[in-house]
Amino acid sequence: GDPCLFLDDDERLYLYHGLTNSKPIRGIEVDKKTLTPIGEEKNLMNTNPKLYGWERTGHYNTETKRPFLEGAWMTKHEGNY
Protein backbone atom coordinates (compact mmCIF):
# COMPACT_ATOMS: atom_id res chain seq x y z
CA GLY A 1 0.00 0.00 0.00
CA ASP A 2 0.84 3.65 -0.42
CA PRO A 3 3.87 3.61 -2.75
CA CYS A 4 6.54 6.29 -2.54
CA LEU A 5 9.01 7.18 -5.29
CA PHE A 6 12.29 8.71 -4.10
CA LEU A 7 14.82 10.33 -6.44
CA ASP A 8 18.23 10.38 -4.78
CA ASP A 9 20.95 12.99 -5.30
CA ASP A 10 22.74 10.63 -7.70
CA GLU A 11 19.60 10.56 -9.91
CA ARG A 12 18.77 6.95 -9.00
CA LEU A 13 15.05 6.32 -8.46
CA TYR A 14 13.67 4.05 -5.75
CA LEU A 15 10.23 2.65 -5.02
CA TYR A 16 9.14 2.04 -1.42
CA HIS A 17 5.84 0.38 -0.55
CA GLY A 18 4.04 -1.88 1.87
CA LEU A 19 3.92 -2.44 5.61
CA THR A 20 0.78 -4.28 6.53
CA ASN A 21 0.17 -6.29 9.66
CA SER A 22 2.01 -9.21 8.03
CA LYS A 23 4.45 -7.73 5.50
CA PRO A 24 7.33 -5.24 5.84
CA ILE A 25 8.09 -2.03 3.96
CA ARG A 26 9.98 -3.07 0.85
CA GLY A 27 12.25 -1.09 -1.44
CA ILE A 28 13.75 -1.47 -4.89
CA GLU A 29 15.58 0.69 -7.40
CA VAL A 30 13.61 1.31 -10.60
CA ASP A 31 14.53 2.61 -14.05
CA LYS A 32 13.60 6.31 -14.30
CA LYS A 33 12.17 6.00 -17.81
CA THR A 34 10.36 2.66 -17.69
CA LEU A 35 9.90 2.07 -13.92
CA THR A 36 11.26 -1.43 -14.52
CA PRO A 37 12.79 -2.91 -11.35
CA ILE A 38 16.59 -2.92 -11.10
CA GLY A 39 18.08 -5.55 -8.85
CA GLU A 40 16.29 -7.37 -6.08
CA GLU A 41 13.55 -5.96 -3.87
CA LYS A 42 14.52 -5.85 -0.18
CA ASN A 43 12.62 -5.98 3.08
CA LEU A 44 13.48 -2.79 4.97
CA MET A 45 11.42 -2.60 8.15
CA ASN A 46 8.51 -4.23 9.90
CA THR A 47 6.21 -3.38 12.78
CA ASN A 48 7.43 -4.07 16.30
CA PRO A 49 4.62 -3.47 18.81
CA LYS A 50 6.68 -4.90 21.69
CA LEU A 51 9.32 -2.24 21.16
CA TYR A 52 7.06 0.60 19.98
CA GLY A 53 3.89 0.85 22.04
CA TRP A 54 2.31 3.38 19.67
CA GLU A 55 2.08 0.61 17.07
CA ARG A 56 -0.95 -0.87 18.83
CA THR A 57 -4.49 -0.55 17.50
CA GLY A 58 -7.82 -0.11 19.26
CA HIS A 59 -9.13 2.36 21.79
CA TYR A 60 -6.27 3.55 23.98
CA ASN A 61 -3.89 1.29 22.01
CA THR A 62 -4.94 -1.81 23.92
CA GLU A 63 -5.48 -4.42 21.18
CA THR A 64 -2.89 -7.16 21.10
CA LYS A 65 -3.17 -8.10 17.41
CA ARG A 66 -0.29 -7.05 15.19
CA PRO A 67 -0.85 -3.45 13.99
CA PHE A 68 -1.62 -2.40 10.43
CA LEU A 69 0.62 0.49 9.43
CA GLU A 70 1.14 2.02 6.03
CA GLY A 71 2.51 5.05 4.29
CA ALA A 72 6.07 4.22 3.25
CA TRP A 73 8.10 7.40 2.83
CA MET A 74 11.77 8.19 2.25
CA THR A 75 13.45 11.51 2.83
CA LYS A 76 17.06 12.60 2.95
CA HIS A 77 18.41 15.33 5.24
CA GLU A 78 22.07 16.26 5.51
CA GLY A 79 23.16 12.94 4.04
CA ASN A 80 20.96 10.80 6.27
CA TYR A 81 18.01 8.75 5.06
PDB file of N, CA and C in Angstrom:
ATOM      1  N   GLY A   1       0.805  -1.196   0.000  1.00  0.00           N
ATOM      2  CA  GLY A   1       0.000   0.000   0.000  1.00  0.00           C
ATOM      3  C   GLY A   1       0.842   1.251   0.000  1.00  0.00           C
ATOM      4  N   ASP A   2       0.269   2.296  -0.439  1.00  0.00           N
ATOM      5  CA  ASP A   2       0.845   3.646  -0.417  1.00  0.00           C
ATOM      6  C   ASP A   2       2.283   3.704  -0.920  1.00  0.00           C
ATOM      7  N   PRO A   3       2.500   3.560  -2.220  1.00  0.00           N
ATOM      8  CA  PRO A   3       3.865   3.606  -2.747  1.00  0.00           C
ATOM      9  C   PRO A   3       4.475   5.000  -2.660  1.00  0.00           C
ATOM     10  N   CYS A   4       5.780   5.035  -2.583  1.00  0.00           N
ATOM     11  CA  CYS A   4       6.535   6.293  -2.542  1.00  0.00           C
ATOM     12  C   CYS A   4       7.706   6.161  -3.507  1.00  0.00           C
ATOM     13  N   LEU A   5       7.838   7.115  -4.420  1.00  0.00           N
ATOM     14  CA  LEU A   5       9.011   7.175  -5.287  1.00  0.00           C
ATOM     15  C   LEU A   5       9.983   8.190  -4.694  1.00  0.00           C
ATOM     16  N   PHE A   6      11.257   7.839  -4.661  1.00  0.00           N
ATOM     17  CA  PHE A   6      12.289   8.705  -4.098  1.00  0.00           C
ATOM     18  C   PHE A   6      13.428   8.828  -5.101  1.00  0.00           C
ATOM     19  N   LEU A   7      13.715  10.054  -5.532  1.00  0.00           N
ATOM     20  CA  LEU A   7      14.820  10.334  -6.440  1.00  0.00           C
ATOM     21  C   LEU A   7      15.998  10.819  -5.610  1.00  0.00           C
ATOM     22  N   ASP A   8      17.063  10.037  -5.584  1.00  0.00           N
ATOM     23  CA  ASP A   8      18.229  10.375  -4.778  1.00  0.00           C
ATOM     24  C   ASP A   8      19.097  11.416  -5.487  1.00  0.00           C
ATOM     25  N   ASP A   9      20.058  11.960  -4.760  1.00  0.00           N
ATOM     26  CA  ASP A   9      20.953  12.987  -5.304  1.00  0.00           C
ATOM     27  C   ASP A   9      21.740  12.495  -6.517  1.00  0.00           C
ATOM     28  N   ASP A  10      21.978  11.189  -6.581  1.00  0.00           N
ATOM     29  CA  ASP A  10      22.736  10.628  -7.702  1.00  0.00           C
ATOM     30  C   ASP A  10      21.840  10.279  -8.892  1.00  0.00           C
ATOM     31  N   GLU A  11      20.586  10.758  -8.844  1.00  0.00           N
ATOM     32  CA  GLU A  11      19.604  10.564  -9.913  1.00  0.00           C
ATOM     33  C   GLU A  11      19.079   9.131 -10.018  1.00  0.00           C
ATOM     34  N   ARG A  12      19.343   8.299  -9.018  1.00  0.00           N
ATOM     35  CA  ARG A  12      18.772   6.950  -8.996  1.00  0.00           C
ATOM     36  C   ARG A  12      17.391   7.035  -8.344  1.00  0.00           C
ATOM     37  N   LEU A  13      16.442   6.285  -8.908  1.00  0.00           N
ATOM     38  CA  LEU A  13      15.053   6.323  -8.458  1.00  0.00           C
ATOM     39  C   LEU A  13      14.714   5.038  -7.706  1.00  0.00           C
ATOM     40  N   TYR A  14      14.031   5.188  -6.583  1.00  0.00           N
ATOM     41  CA  TYR A  14      13.667   4.050  -5.746  1.00  0.00           C
ATOM     42  C   TYR A  14      12.171   4.047  -5.477  1.00  0.00           C
ATOM     43  N   LEU A  15      11.629   2.847  -5.358  1.00  0.00           N
ATOM     44  CA  LEU A  15      10.230   2.654  -5.016  1.00  0.00           C
ATOM     45  C   LEU A  15      10.159   1.996  -3.652  1.00  0.00           C
ATOM     46  N   TYR A  16       9.383   2.593  -2.748  1.00  0.00           N
ATOM     47  CA  TYR A  16       9.137   2.039  -1.421  1.00  0.00           C
ATOM     48  C   TYR A  16       7.642   1.801  -1.306  1.00  0.00           C
ATOM     49  N   HIS A  17       7.263   0.688  -0.687  1.00  0.00           N
ATOM     50  CA  HIS A  17       5.839   0.381  -0.552  1.00  0.00           C
ATOM     51  C   HIS A  17       5.643  -0.660   0.547  1.00  0.00           C
ATOM     52  N   GLY A  18       4.401  -0.799   0.976  1.00  0.00           N
ATOM     53  CA  GLY A  18       4.045  -1.884   1.871  1.00  0.00           C
ATOM     54  C   GLY A  18       3.867  -1.487   3.312  1.00  0.00           C
ATOM     55  N   LEU A  19       4.083  -2.424   4.168  1.00  0.00           N
ATOM     56  CA  LEU A  19       3.918  -2.436   5.614  1.00  0.00           C
ATOM     57  C   LEU A  19       2.457  -2.631   5.975  1.00  0.00           C
ATOM     58  N   THR A  20       2.093  -3.882   6.036  1.00  0.00           N
ATOM     59  CA  THR A  20       0.780  -4.280   6.527  1.00  0.00           C
ATOM     60  C   THR A  20       1.001  -4.960   7.869  1.00  0.00           C
ATOM     61  N   ASN A  21      -0.035  -5.610   8.382  1.00  0.00           N
ATOM     62  CA  ASN A  21       0.174  -6.295   9.659  1.00  0.00           C
ATOM     63  C   ASN A  21       0.919  -7.621   9.480  1.00  0.00           C
ATOM     64  N   SER A  22       1.266  -7.975   8.237  1.00  0.00           N
ATOM     65  CA  SER A  22       2.013  -9.210   8.035  1.00  0.00           C
ATOM     66  C   SER A  22       3.213  -9.062   7.095  1.00  0.00           C
ATOM     67  N   LYS A  23       3.353  -7.915   6.449  1.00  0.00           N
ATOM     68  CA  LYS A  23       4.455  -7.731   5.497  1.00  0.00           C
ATOM     69  C   LYS A  23       5.203  -6.433   5.792  1.00  0.00           C
ATOM     70  N   PRO A  24       6.519  -6.422   5.550  1.00  0.00           N
ATOM     71  CA  PRO A  24       7.334  -5.241   5.838  1.00  0.00           C
ATOM     72  C   PRO A  24       7.266  -4.181   4.739  1.00  0.00           C
ATOM     73  N   ILE A  25       7.825  -2.999   5.022  1.00  0.00           N
ATOM     74  CA  ILE A  25       8.087  -2.031   3.959  1.00  0.00           C
ATOM     75  C   ILE A  25       9.193  -2.625   3.104  1.00  0.00           C
ATOM     76  N   ARG A  26       9.011  -2.530   1.791  1.00  0.00           N
ATOM     77  CA  ARG A  26       9.980  -3.074   0.848  1.00  0.00           C
ATOM     78  C   ARG A  26      10.486  -1.953  -0.046  1.00  0.00           C
ATOM     79  N   GLY A  27      11.685  -2.102  -0.562  1.00  0.00           N
ATOM     80  CA  GLY A  27      12.253  -1.090  -1.436  1.00  0.00           C
ATOM     81  C   GLY A  27      13.018  -1.717  -2.581  1.00  0.00           C
ATOM     82  N   ILE A  28      13.021  -1.008  -3.713  1.00  0.00           N
ATOM     83  CA  ILE A  28      13.755  -1.467  -4.887  1.00  0.00           C
ATOM     84  C   ILE A  28      14.091  -0.265  -5.771  1.00  0.00           C
ATOM     85  N   GLU A  29      15.233  -0.336  -6.417  1.00  0.00           N
ATOM     86  CA  GLU A  29      15.581   0.689  -7.400  1.00  0.00           C
ATOM     87  C   GLU A  29      14.795   0.401  -8.672  1.00  0.00           C
ATOM     88  N   VAL A  30      14.338   1.460  -9.342  1.00  0.00           N
ATOM     89  CA  VAL A  30      13.610   1.314 -10.599  1.00  0.00           C
ATOM     90  C   VAL A  30      14.215   2.225 -11.665  1.00  0.00           C
ATOM     91  N   ASP A  31      14.070   1.812 -12.918  1.00  0.00           N
ATOM     92  CA  ASP A  31      14.534   2.614 -14.047  1.00  0.00           C
ATOM     93  C   ASP A  31      13.689   3.882 -14.136  1.00  0.00           C
ATOM     94  N   LYS A  32      14.328   5.031 -14.275  1.00  0.00           N
ATOM     95  CA  LYS A  32      13.603   6.305 -14.304  1.00  0.00           C
ATOM     96  C   LYS A  32      12.676   6.454 -15.497  1.00  0.00           C
ATOM     97  N   LYS A  33      12.997   5.836 -16.605  1.00  0.00           N
ATOM     98  CA  LYS A  33      12.173   5.996 -17.807  1.00  0.00           C
ATOM     99  C   LYS A  33      11.050   4.968 -17.898  1.00  0.00           C
ATOM    100  N   THR A  34      11.339   3.735 -17.494  1.00  0.00           N
ATOM    101  CA  THR A  34      10.362   2.659 -17.687  1.00  0.00           C
ATOM    102  C   THR A  34       9.728   2.163 -16.384  1.00  0.00           C
ATOM    103  N   LEU A  35      10.305   2.548 -15.252  1.00  0.00           N
ATOM    104  CA  LEU A  35       9.899   2.071 -13.922  1.00  0.00           C
ATOM    105  C   LEU A  35      10.084   0.560 -13.759  1.00  0.00           C
ATOM    106  N   THR A  36      10.917  -0.019 -14.622  1.00  0.00           N
ATOM    107  CA  THR A  36      11.256  -1.434 -14.523  1.00  0.00           C
ATOM    108  C   THR A  36      12.173  -1.637 -13.318  1.00  0.00           C
ATOM    109  N   PRO A  37      11.922  -2.663 -12.501  1.00  0.00           N
ATOM    110  CA  PRO A  37      12.789  -2.914 -11.346  1.00  0.00           C
ATOM    111  C   PRO A  37      14.231  -3.183 -11.751  1.00  0.00           C
ATOM    112  N   ILE A  38      15.157  -2.683 -10.934  1.00  0.00           N
ATOM    113  CA  ILE A  38      16.587  -2.923 -11.105  1.00  0.00           C
ATOM    114  C   ILE A  38      17.054  -3.643  -9.842  1.00  0.00           C
ATOM    115  N   GLY A  39      17.591  -4.809 -10.008  1.00  0.00           N
ATOM    116  CA  GLY A  39      18.077  -5.551  -8.848  1.00  0.00           C
ATOM    117  C   GLY A  39      16.959  -6.292  -8.139  1.00  0.00           C
ATOM    118  N   GLU A  40      17.195  -6.565  -6.872  1.00  0.00           N
ATOM    119  CA  GLU A  40      16.286  -7.369  -6.076  1.00  0.00           C
ATOM    120  C   GLU A  40      15.592  -6.511  -5.018  1.00  0.00           C
ATOM    121  N   GLU A  41      14.301  -6.683  -4.899  1.00  0.00           N
ATOM    122  CA  GLU A  41      13.547  -5.960  -3.873  1.00  0.00           C
ATOM    123  C   GLU A  41      13.988  -6.439  -2.492  1.00  0.00           C
ATOM    124  N   LYS A  42      14.042  -5.511  -1.521  1.00  0.00           N
ATOM    125  CA  LYS A  42      14.525  -5.845  -0.184  1.00  0.00           C
ATOM    126  C   LYS A  42      13.501  -5.471   0.873  1.00  0.00           C
ATOM    127  N   ASN A  43      13.393  -6.316   1.894  1.00  0.00           N
ATOM    128  CA  ASN A  43      12.615  -5.984   3.081  1.00  0.00           C
ATOM    129  C   ASN A  43      13.406  -4.954   3.874  1.00  0.00           C
ATOM    130  N   LEU A  44      12.762  -3.874   4.284  1.00  0.00           N
ATOM    131  CA  LEU A  44      13.475  -2.793   4.968  1.00  0.00           C
ATOM    132  C   LEU A  44      13.099  -2.649   6.437  1.00  0.00           C
ATOM    133  N   MET A  45      11.829  -2.721   6.745  1.00  0.00           N
ATOM    134  CA  MET A  45      11.424  -2.596   8.155  1.00  0.00           C
ATOM    135  C   MET A  45      10.055  -3.225   8.334  1.00  0.00           C
ATOM    136  N   ASN A  46       9.771  -3.616   9.569  1.00  0.00           N
ATOM    137  CA  ASN A  46       8.506  -4.231   9.899  1.00  0.00           C
ATOM    138  C   ASN A  46       7.992  -3.613  11.192  1.00  0.00           C
ATOM    139  N   THR A  47       6.749  -3.890  11.522  1.00  0.00           N
ATOM    140  CA  THR A  47       6.208  -3.385  12.783  1.00  0.00           C
ATOM    141  C   THR A  47       6.863  -4.116  13.943  1.00  0.00           C
ATOM    142  N   ASN A  48       6.870  -3.474  15.094  1.00  0.00           N
ATOM    143  CA  ASN A  48       7.434  -4.071  16.296  1.00  0.00           C
ATOM    144  C   ASN A  48       6.677  -3.529  17.508  1.00  0.00           C
ATOM    145  N   PRO A  49       5.442  -4.016  17.736  1.00  0.00           N
ATOM    146  CA  PRO A  49       4.622  -3.465  18.808  1.00  0.00           C
ATOM    147  C   PRO A  49       5.203  -3.681  20.203  1.00  0.00           C
ATOM    148  N   LYS A  50       6.059  -4.694  20.374  1.00  0.00           N
ATOM    149  CA  LYS A  50       6.677  -4.900  21.694  1.00  0.00           C
ATOM    150  C   LYS A  50       7.669  -3.792  22.013  1.00  0.00           C
ATOM    151  N   LEU A  51       8.338  -3.300  20.971  1.00  0.00           N
ATOM    152  CA  LEU A  51       9.319  -2.236  21.163  1.00  0.00           C
ATOM    153  C   LEU A  51       8.683  -0.851  21.094  1.00  0.00           C
ATOM    154  N   TYR A  52       7.696  -0.701  20.188  1.00  0.00           N
ATOM    155  CA  TYR A  52       7.063   0.597  19.984  1.00  0.00           C
ATOM    156  C   TYR A  52       5.588   0.512  20.376  1.00  0.00           C
ATOM    157  N   GLY A  53       5.248   0.945  21.538  1.00  0.00           N
ATOM    158  CA  GLY A  53       3.885   0.847  22.040  1.00  0.00           C
ATOM    159  C   GLY A  53       2.857   1.569  21.196  1.00  0.00           C
ATOM    160  N   TRP A  54       3.259   2.633  20.499  1.00  0.00           N
ATOM    161  CA  TRP A  54       2.312   3.381  19.667  1.00  0.00           C
ATOM    162  C   TRP A  54       1.853   2.571  18.475  1.00  0.00           C
ATOM    163  N   GLU A  55       2.486   1.437  18.192  1.00  0.00           N
ATOM    164  CA  GLU A  55       2.084   0.607  17.072  1.00  0.00           C
ATOM    165  C   GLU A  55       0.929  -0.327  17.424  1.00  0.00           C
ATOM    166  N   ARG A  56       0.189  -0.042  18.453  1.00  0.00           N
ATOM    167  CA  ARG A  56      -0.952  -0.873  18.827  1.00  0.00           C
ATOM    168  C   ARG A  56      -2.233  -0.218  18.325  1.00  0.00           C
ATOM    169  N   THR A  57      -3.218  -1.062  17.993  1.00  0.00           N
ATOM    170  CA  THR A  57      -4.490  -0.553  17.497  1.00  0.00           C
ATOM    171  C   THR A  57      -5.531  -0.577  18.607  1.00  0.00           C
ATOM    172  N   GLY A  58      -6.717  -0.073  18.307  1.00  0.00           N
ATOM    173  CA  GLY A  58      -7.822  -0.106  19.257  1.00  0.00           C
ATOM    174  C   GLY A  58      -7.891   1.141  20.118  1.00  0.00           C
ATOM    175  N   HIS A  59      -8.975   1.231  20.869  1.00  0.00           N
ATOM    176  CA  HIS A  59      -9.135   2.358  21.795  1.00  0.00           C
ATOM    177  C   HIS A  59      -8.019   2.312  22.830  1.00  0.00           C
ATOM    178  N   TYR A  60      -7.362   3.422  23.009  1.00  0.00           N
ATOM    179  CA  TYR A  60      -6.266   3.552  23.977  1.00  0.00           C
ATOM    180  C   TYR A  60      -5.124   2.573  23.699  1.00  0.00           C
ATOM    181  N   ASN A  61      -4.986   2.167  22.439  1.00  0.00           N
ATOM    182  CA  ASN A  61      -3.892   1.293  22.006  1.00  0.00           C
ATOM    183  C   ASN A  61      -3.802   0.023  22.861  1.00  0.00           C
ATOM    184  N   THR A  62      -4.920  -0.645  23.046  1.00  0.00           N
ATOM    185  CA  THR A  62      -4.943  -1.810  23.920  1.00  0.00           C
ATOM    186  C   THR A  62      -5.070  -3.148  23.196  1.00  0.00           C
ATOM    187  N   GLU A  63      -5.347  -3.148  21.889  1.00  0.00           N
ATOM    188  CA  GLU A  63      -5.484  -4.417  21.181  1.00  0.00           C
ATOM    189  C   GLU A  63      -4.129  -5.100  21.056  1.00  0.00           C
ATOM    190  N   THR A  64      -4.147  -6.421  21.132  1.00  0.00           N
ATOM    191  CA  THR A  64      -2.887  -7.162  21.098  1.00  0.00           C
ATOM    192  C   THR A  64      -2.547  -7.703  19.717  1.00  0.00           C
ATOM    193  N   LYS A  65      -3.494  -7.611  18.755  1.00  0.00           N
ATOM    194  CA  LYS A  65      -3.167  -8.100  17.414  1.00  0.00           C
ATOM    195  C   LYS A  65      -2.106  -7.211  16.779  1.00  0.00           C
ATOM    196  N   ARG A  66      -1.365  -7.794  15.857  1.00  0.00           N
ATOM    197  CA  ARG A  66      -0.291  -7.045  15.190  1.00  0.00           C
ATOM    198  C   ARG A  66      -0.888  -5.839  14.458  1.00  0.00           C
ATOM    199  N   PRO A  67      -0.282  -4.665  14.586  1.00  0.00           N
ATOM    200  CA  PRO A  67      -0.849  -3.448  13.993  1.00  0.00           C
ATOM    201  C   PRO A  67      -0.763  -3.427  12.472  1.00  0.00           C
ATOM    202  N   PHE A  68      -1.600  -2.618  11.876  1.00  0.00           N
ATOM    203  CA  PHE A  68      -1.619  -2.405  10.432  1.00  0.00           C
ATOM    204  C   PHE A  68      -1.149  -0.978  10.199  1.00  0.00           C
ATOM    205  N   LEU A  69       0.064  -0.830   9.707  1.00  0.00           N
ATOM    206  CA  LEU A  69       0.617   0.494   9.433  1.00  0.00           C
ATOM    207  C   LEU A  69       0.877   0.603   7.951  1.00  0.00           C
ATOM    208  N   GLU A  70       0.868   1.808   7.447  1.00  0.00           N
ATOM    209  CA  GLU A  70       1.136   2.019   6.033  1.00  0.00           C
ATOM    210  C   GLU A  70       1.690   3.410   5.823  1.00  0.00           C
ATOM    211  N   GLY A  71       2.019   3.714   4.598  1.00  0.00           N
ATOM    212  CA  GLY A  71       2.512   5.050   4.290  1.00  0.00           C
ATOM    213  C   GLY A  71       4.020   5.118   4.195  1.00  0.00           C
ATOM    214  N   ALA A  72       4.617   4.204   3.438  1.00  0.00           N
ATOM    215  CA  ALA A  72       6.070   4.218   3.248  1.00  0.00           C
ATOM    216  C   ALA A  72       6.501   5.585   2.719  1.00  0.00           C
ATOM    217  N   TRP A  73       7.598   6.093   3.259  1.00  0.00           N
ATOM    218  CA  TRP A  73       8.102   7.397   2.832  1.00  0.00           C
ATOM    219  C   TRP A  73       9.597   7.437   3.063  1.00  0.00           C
ATOM    220  N   MET A  74      10.328   8.022   2.111  1.00  0.00           N
ATOM    221  CA  MET A  74      11.766   8.188   2.252  1.00  0.00           C
ATOM    222  C   MET A  74      12.089   9.666   2.092  1.00  0.00           C
ATOM    223  N   THR A  75      12.950  10.132   2.941  1.00  0.00           N
ATOM    224  CA  THR A  75      13.447  11.509   2.830  1.00  0.00           C
ATOM    225  C   THR A  75      14.933  11.486   3.149  1.00  0.00           C
ATOM    226  N   LYS A  76      15.639  12.490   2.685  1.00  0.00           N
ATOM    227  CA  LYS A  76      17.064  12.603   2.949  1.00  0.00           C
ATOM    228  C   LYS A  76      17.338  13.999   3.500  1.00  0.00           C
ATOM    229  N   HIS A  77      18.082  14.056   4.592  1.00  0.00           N
ATOM    230  CA  HIS A  77      18.413  15.330   5.236  1.00  0.00           C
ATOM    231  C   HIS A  77      19.866  15.267   5.680  1.00  0.00           C
ATOM    232  N   GLU A  78      20.660  16.166   5.158  1.00  0.00           N
ATOM    233  CA  GLU A  78      22.069  16.261   5.507  1.00  0.00           C
ATOM    234  C   GLU A  78      22.785  14.917   5.394  1.00  0.00           C
ATOM    235  N   GLY A  79      22.491  14.192   4.306  1.00  0.00           N
ATOM    236  CA  GLY A  79      23.161  12.936   4.036  1.00  0.00           C
ATOM    237  C   GLY A  79      22.600  11.722   4.748  1.00  0.00           C
ATOM    238  N   ASN A  80      21.585  11.912   5.550  1.00  0.00           N
ATOM    239  CA  ASN A  80      20.964  10.801   6.271  1.00  0.00           C
ATOM    240  C   ASN A  80      19.604  10.491   5.662  1.00  0.00           C
ATOM    241  N   TYR A  81      19.289   9.191   5.606  1.00  0.00           N
ATOM    242  CA  TYR A  81      18.009   8.749   5.060  1.00  0.00           C
ATOM    243  C   TYR A  81      17.069   8.425   6.189  1.00  0.00           C
TER     244      TYR A  81
END
